[in-house]
Protein backbone atom coordinates (compact mmCIF):
# COMPACT_ATOMS: atom_id res chain seq x y z
CA UNK A 1 155.33 94.33 -12.05
CA UNK A 2 153.58 92.79 -9.06
CA UNK A 3 154.59 89.23 -8.22
CA UNK A 4 153.17 86.98 -5.52
CA UNK A 5 155.55 86.02 -2.72
CA UNK A 6 155.55 82.36 -3.77
CA UNK A 7 156.93 83.33 -7.20
CA UNK A 8 159.62 85.79 -6.14
CA UNK A 9 162.53 83.48 -6.90
CA UNK A 10 161.40 83.08 -10.48
CA UNK A 11 160.93 86.80 -10.92
CA UNK A 12 164.01 88.26 -9.25
CA UNK A 13 167.59 87.12 -8.78
CA UNK A 14 168.60 86.09 -5.26
CA UNK A 15 171.39 88.69 -5.34
CA UNK A 16 168.90 91.40 -6.21
CA UNK A 17 166.65 90.43 -3.35
CA UNK A 18 169.45 90.52 -0.82
CA UNK A 19 170.61 93.89 -2.16
CA UNK A 20 167.15 95.26 -1.45
CA UNK A 21 167.19 94.02 2.14
CA UNK A 22 169.14 95.42 5.11
CA UNK A 23 172.62 93.93 5.43
CA UNK A 24 172.19 92.37 8.85
CA UNK A 25 171.79 88.86 10.21
CA UNK A 26 168.50 87.57 11.51
CA UNK A 27 165.84 89.97 10.33
CA UNK A 28 162.66 90.31 8.31
CA UNK A 29 163.39 92.23 5.09
CA UNK A 30 160.91 94.84 3.92
CA UNK A 31 160.59 94.76 0.12
CA UNK A 32 157.82 97.32 -0.35
CA UNK A 33 155.37 99.44 1.61
CA UNK A 34 152.19 101.47 1.33
CA UNK A 35 152.73 105.22 1.11
CA UNK A 36 151.93 107.20 4.25
CA UNK A 37 150.69 110.74 3.50
CA UNK A 38 152.73 112.35 6.29
CA UNK A 39 155.63 109.91 6.49
CA UNK A 40 156.50 107.08 8.92
CA UNK A 41 154.49 107.18 12.11
CA UNK A 42 151.56 109.01 10.55
CA UNK A 43 148.13 107.44 10.28
CA UNK A 44 147.55 105.27 7.22
CA UNK A 45 144.17 103.93 6.12
CA UNK A 46 144.09 100.69 4.14
CA UNK A 47 140.83 99.23 2.91
CA UNK A 48 140.15 95.51 2.66
CA UNK A 49 137.40 93.39 1.14
CA UNK A 50 136.44 89.77 0.66
CA UNK A 51 136.05 88.73 -2.96
CA UNK A 52 135.04 85.05 -2.97
CA UNK A 53 136.58 84.07 0.37
CA UNK A 54 133.22 83.82 2.15
CA UNK A 55 131.45 81.80 -0.54
CA UNK A 56 131.87 78.42 1.16
CA UNK A 57 135.03 77.32 -0.65
CA UNK A 58 137.18 76.90 2.47
CA UNK A 59 136.22 73.55 3.99
CA UNK A 60 137.42 71.41 6.85
CA UNK A 61 138.75 67.87 6.50
CA UNK A 62 135.19 66.52 6.53
CA UNK A 63 134.19 68.78 3.64
CA UNK A 64 132.11 71.17 5.75
CA UNK A 65 132.45 74.84 4.81
CA UNK A 66 133.90 77.11 7.48
CA UNK A 67 131.21 79.67 8.45
CA UNK A 68 131.58 83.12 6.92
CA UNK A 69 131.20 84.72 10.37
CA UNK A 70 134.10 82.65 11.68
CA UNK A 71 136.33 83.56 8.73
CA UNK A 72 135.50 87.24 9.17
CA UNK A 73 136.28 87.15 12.89
CA UNK A 74 139.55 85.31 12.36
CA UNK A 75 140.68 87.66 9.60
CA UNK A 76 139.76 90.72 11.65
CA UNK A 77 141.79 89.33 14.56
CA UNK A 78 144.79 88.98 12.23
CA UNK A 79 144.31 92.59 11.12
CA UNK A 80 144.08 93.65 14.76
CA UNK A 81 147.45 92.04 15.47
CA UNK A 82 149.08 94.52 13.10
CA UNK A 83 146.90 97.46 14.12
CA UNK A 84 148.07 96.94 17.71
CA UNK A 85 151.65 97.94 16.80
CA UNK A 86 151.29 100.07 13.65
CA UNK A 87 149.40 103.32 12.89
CA UNK A 88 147.34 101.56 10.23
CA UNK A 89 143.55 101.75 10.15
CA UNK A 90 141.98 98.83 8.27
CA UNK A 91 138.53 99.62 6.89
CA UNK A 92 136.32 97.05 5.16
CA UNK A 93 134.67 97.86 1.83
CA UNK A 94 132.09 95.92 -0.14
CA UNK A 95 133.88 93.98 -2.87
CA UNK A 96 133.10 94.40 -6.55
CA UNK A 97 136.34 93.48 -8.28
CA UNK A 98 137.45 90.51 -10.39
CA UNK A 99 138.02 87.03 -8.99
CA UNK A 100 141.54 85.97 -7.92
CA UNK A 101 144.04 84.81 -10.54
CA UNK A 102 142.23 86.45 -13.44
CA UNK A 103 145.05 88.87 -14.18
CA UNK A 104 146.02 92.45 -13.42
CA UNK A 105 143.20 94.94 -12.92
CA UNK A 106 142.48 98.62 -12.31
CA UNK A 107 142.32 99.27 -8.53
CA UNK A 108 140.16 102.39 -8.84
CA UNK A 109 137.27 102.23 -6.40
CA UNK A 110 138.34 98.85 -4.99
CA UNK A 111 139.87 97.84 -1.67
CA UNK A 112 143.63 97.97 -1.20
CA UNK A 113 143.75 94.42 0.15
CA UNK A 114 141.30 92.03 -1.51
CA UNK A 115 141.05 88.54 -0.05
CA UNK A 116 139.90 85.54 -2.03
CA UNK A 117 140.54 81.92 -2.87
CA UNK A 118 141.24 79.60 -5.78
CA UNK A 119 140.57 75.88 -6.02
CA UNK A 120 144.23 74.88 -5.89
CA UNK A 121 147.71 76.32 -5.39
CA UNK A 122 150.44 73.79 -6.08
CA UNK A 123 152.99 74.86 -3.49
CA UNK A 124 151.44 76.94 -0.71
CA UNK A 125 148.45 77.33 1.60
CA UNK A 126 148.14 80.92 0.37
CA UNK A 127 150.15 83.73 -1.17
CA UNK A 128 150.10 87.51 -1.16
CA UNK A 129 151.28 90.33 -3.39
CA UNK A 130 153.70 92.93 -2.09
CA UNK A 131 152.45 96.55 -2.42
CA UNK A 132 154.94 97.48 -5.13
CA UNK A 133 152.71 99.89 -7.05
CA UNK A 134 149.57 101.90 -6.26
CA UNK A 135 148.64 101.50 -9.94
CA UNK A 136 148.28 97.73 -9.57
CA UNK A 137 145.05 96.15 -8.46
CA UNK A 138 146.96 93.05 -7.36
CA UNK A 139 149.12 94.95 -4.86
CA UNK A 140 148.34 93.72 -1.35
CA UNK A 141 145.88 91.03 -2.45
CA UNK A 142 145.78 87.67 -0.65
CA UNK A 143 144.77 84.37 -2.26
CA UNK A 144 144.03 81.21 -0.26
CA UNK A 145 144.37 77.63 -1.46
CA UNK A 146 140.88 76.15 -1.02
CA UNK A 147 142.10 72.59 -1.52
CA UNK A 148 145.00 72.89 0.94
CA UNK A 149 146.53 69.67 -0.40
CA UNK A 150 143.51 67.66 0.73
CA UNK A 151 144.13 68.46 4.41
CA UNK A 152 141.20 70.82 4.86
CA UNK A 153 141.14 74.05 6.83
CA UNK A 154 140.66 74.68 10.54
CA UNK A 155 139.88 78.04 12.19
CA UNK A 156 143.36 78.06 13.73
CA UNK A 157 145.12 77.38 10.43
CA UNK A 158 143.11 80.03 8.64
CA UNK A 159 143.94 82.64 11.27
CA UNK A 160 147.65 81.77 11.31
CA UNK A 161 147.96 81.85 7.51
CA UNK A 162 145.94 85.08 7.28
CA UNK A 163 148.25 86.75 9.79
CA UNK A 164 151.29 85.56 7.84
CA UNK A 165 150.01 86.74 4.48
CA UNK A 166 149.02 90.14 5.85
CA UNK A 167 152.68 90.64 6.68
CA UNK A 168 153.47 90.16 3.00
CA UNK A 169 150.62 92.51 2.04
CA UNK A 170 152.39 95.17 4.09
CA UNK A 171 155.66 94.46 2.27
CA UNK A 172 157.46 92.15 4.69
CA UNK A 173 159.41 89.16 3.38
CA UNK A 174 160.26 85.84 4.96
CA UNK A 175 162.75 85.69 7.80
CA UNK A 176 166.39 86.00 6.72
CA UNK A 177 168.73 84.16 9.07
CA UNK A 178 171.80 85.78 7.53
CA UNK A 179 173.08 82.38 6.33
CA UNK A 180 173.39 82.69 2.54
CA UNK A 181 173.60 78.90 2.06
CA UNK A 182 170.38 78.29 3.95
CA UNK A 183 168.71 81.26 2.31
CA UNK A 184 169.49 80.03 -1.19
CA UNK A 185 167.71 76.73 -0.57
CA UNK A 186 164.82 77.71 1.66
CA UNK A 187 164.38 81.48 1.90
CA UNK A 188 161.11 81.49 0.00
CA UNK A 189 159.71 78.06 0.79
CA UNK A 190 159.74 78.30 4.58
CA UNK A 191 157.99 80.93 6.66
CA UNK A 192 159.96 81.80 9.77
CA UNK A 193 157.32 83.94 11.38
CA UNK A 194 155.47 83.41 14.64
CA UNK A 195 152.32 81.57 15.44
CA UNK A 196 149.77 84.06 16.76
CA UNK A 197 151.89 86.63 18.62
CA UNK A 198 153.93 88.95 16.35
CA UNK A 199 157.50 88.59 17.57
CA UNK A 200 159.87 91.46 18.26
CA UNK A 201 161.83 91.10 15.01
CA UNK A 202 158.66 91.41 12.95
CA UNK A 203 157.56 94.49 14.87
CA UNK A 204 161.00 96.09 14.45
CA UNK A 205 160.91 95.48 10.69
CA UNK A 206 157.41 96.85 10.24
CA UNK A 207 157.86 99.84 12.53
CA UNK A 208 161.13 100.63 10.78
CA UNK A 209 159.03 101.46 7.71
CA UNK A 210 155.61 102.49 9.05
CA UNK A 211 156.62 103.82 12.46
CA UNK A 212 155.12 102.81 15.78
CA UNK A 213 151.58 103.51 16.86
CA UNK A 214 148.12 102.05 17.14
CA UNK A 215 145.60 101.61 14.38
CA UNK A 216 142.14 100.09 14.19
CA UNK A 217 139.93 97.61 12.35
CA UNK A 218 136.52 98.74 11.08
CA UNK A 219 134.33 96.04 9.48
CA UNK A 220 131.25 96.93 7.44
CA UNK A 221 129.10 95.67 10.29
CA UNK A 222 129.67 94.04 13.66
CA UNK A 223 130.27 90.32 13.26
CA UNK A 224 128.83 88.05 15.98
CA UNK A 225 131.70 86.04 17.43
CA UNK A 226 130.90 82.37 16.74
CA UNK A 227 131.26 79.86 19.57
CA UNK A 228 134.04 78.01 17.74
CA UNK A 229 136.11 81.15 17.27
CA UNK A 230 135.57 82.23 20.88
CA UNK A 231 137.13 78.93 21.97
CA UNK A 232 140.00 79.37 19.54
CA UNK A 233 140.71 82.88 20.82
CA UNK A 234 140.84 81.56 24.37
CA UNK A 235 143.51 79.11 23.30
CA UNK A 236 145.39 81.82 21.43
CA UNK A 237 145.69 83.91 24.57
CA UNK A 238 147.40 80.99 26.33
CA UNK A 239 149.68 80.23 23.39
CA UNK A 240 150.64 83.89 23.02
CA UNK A 241 151.53 84.11 26.70
CA UNK A 242 153.70 81.01 26.47
CA UNK A 243 155.36 82.29 23.30
CA UNK A 244 156.30 85.56 24.96
CA UNK A 245 157.96 83.64 27.79
CA UNK A 246 159.91 81.35 25.45
CA UNK A 247 163.50 82.11 24.56
CA UNK A 248 162.72 81.75 20.86
CA UNK A 249 159.45 82.47 19.05
CA UNK A 250 157.37 79.54 17.86
CA UNK A 251 157.46 79.33 14.08
CA UNK A 252 155.57 77.46 11.38
CA UNK A 253 155.68 76.60 7.71
CA UNK A 254 153.19 77.82 5.15
CA UNK A 255 154.11 75.23 2.53
CA UNK A 256 152.65 71.84 1.67
CA UNK A 257 154.77 69.98 4.21
CA UNK A 258 153.48 72.07 7.13
């Protein structure tokens, strides 16, 4: 059974989740992974596609739709963050599958990671499905909350949330501080991952499963970098540099109170 990250607590016992994770303090547990033909460290190709993400449903606070070219560029940057440290090659396919939240489906001929949106998600900006089974169409899929609690979307927020959810699509859970009391109350409501730069603990967790290496991102066609996203990327470079110099990584929430 494939369950979205935001519903894990209702689907599995807390004890079962901790049993599946490494018994160490302060780490990102890996709950599932995509199969690599030649084992960890070998090249892995994962396809991705946009279902209804680019249809104008993600809007800013003024109600203006974020341009499709901007969303593509931001999502491809998030993919590139993972391809920079993992031997995973992300290849875009044209989408022809069902819309998000319409149930399980046959993945044959469809992208591994399909990205879409729904009008409203009650408790998160987005959610993703762990890759528990190659027989599930839902495995790896990402669904964004178009309404975003009335706050609207910005290019920066979209990129940050996309990067976060891609971690889940690769099988990585939320940060586990090792404190069982804290974990019981907030393990699955608070994202303890970085803003922009993948921190060392995330890389260790992912490379522990997939191995180290470099991958790539191949879109269907070159996407012109919009002026707005070029400015955002300039800011990201500065933030990433500051984050690397900080004693602790900058973290953010993915939930409604972000």
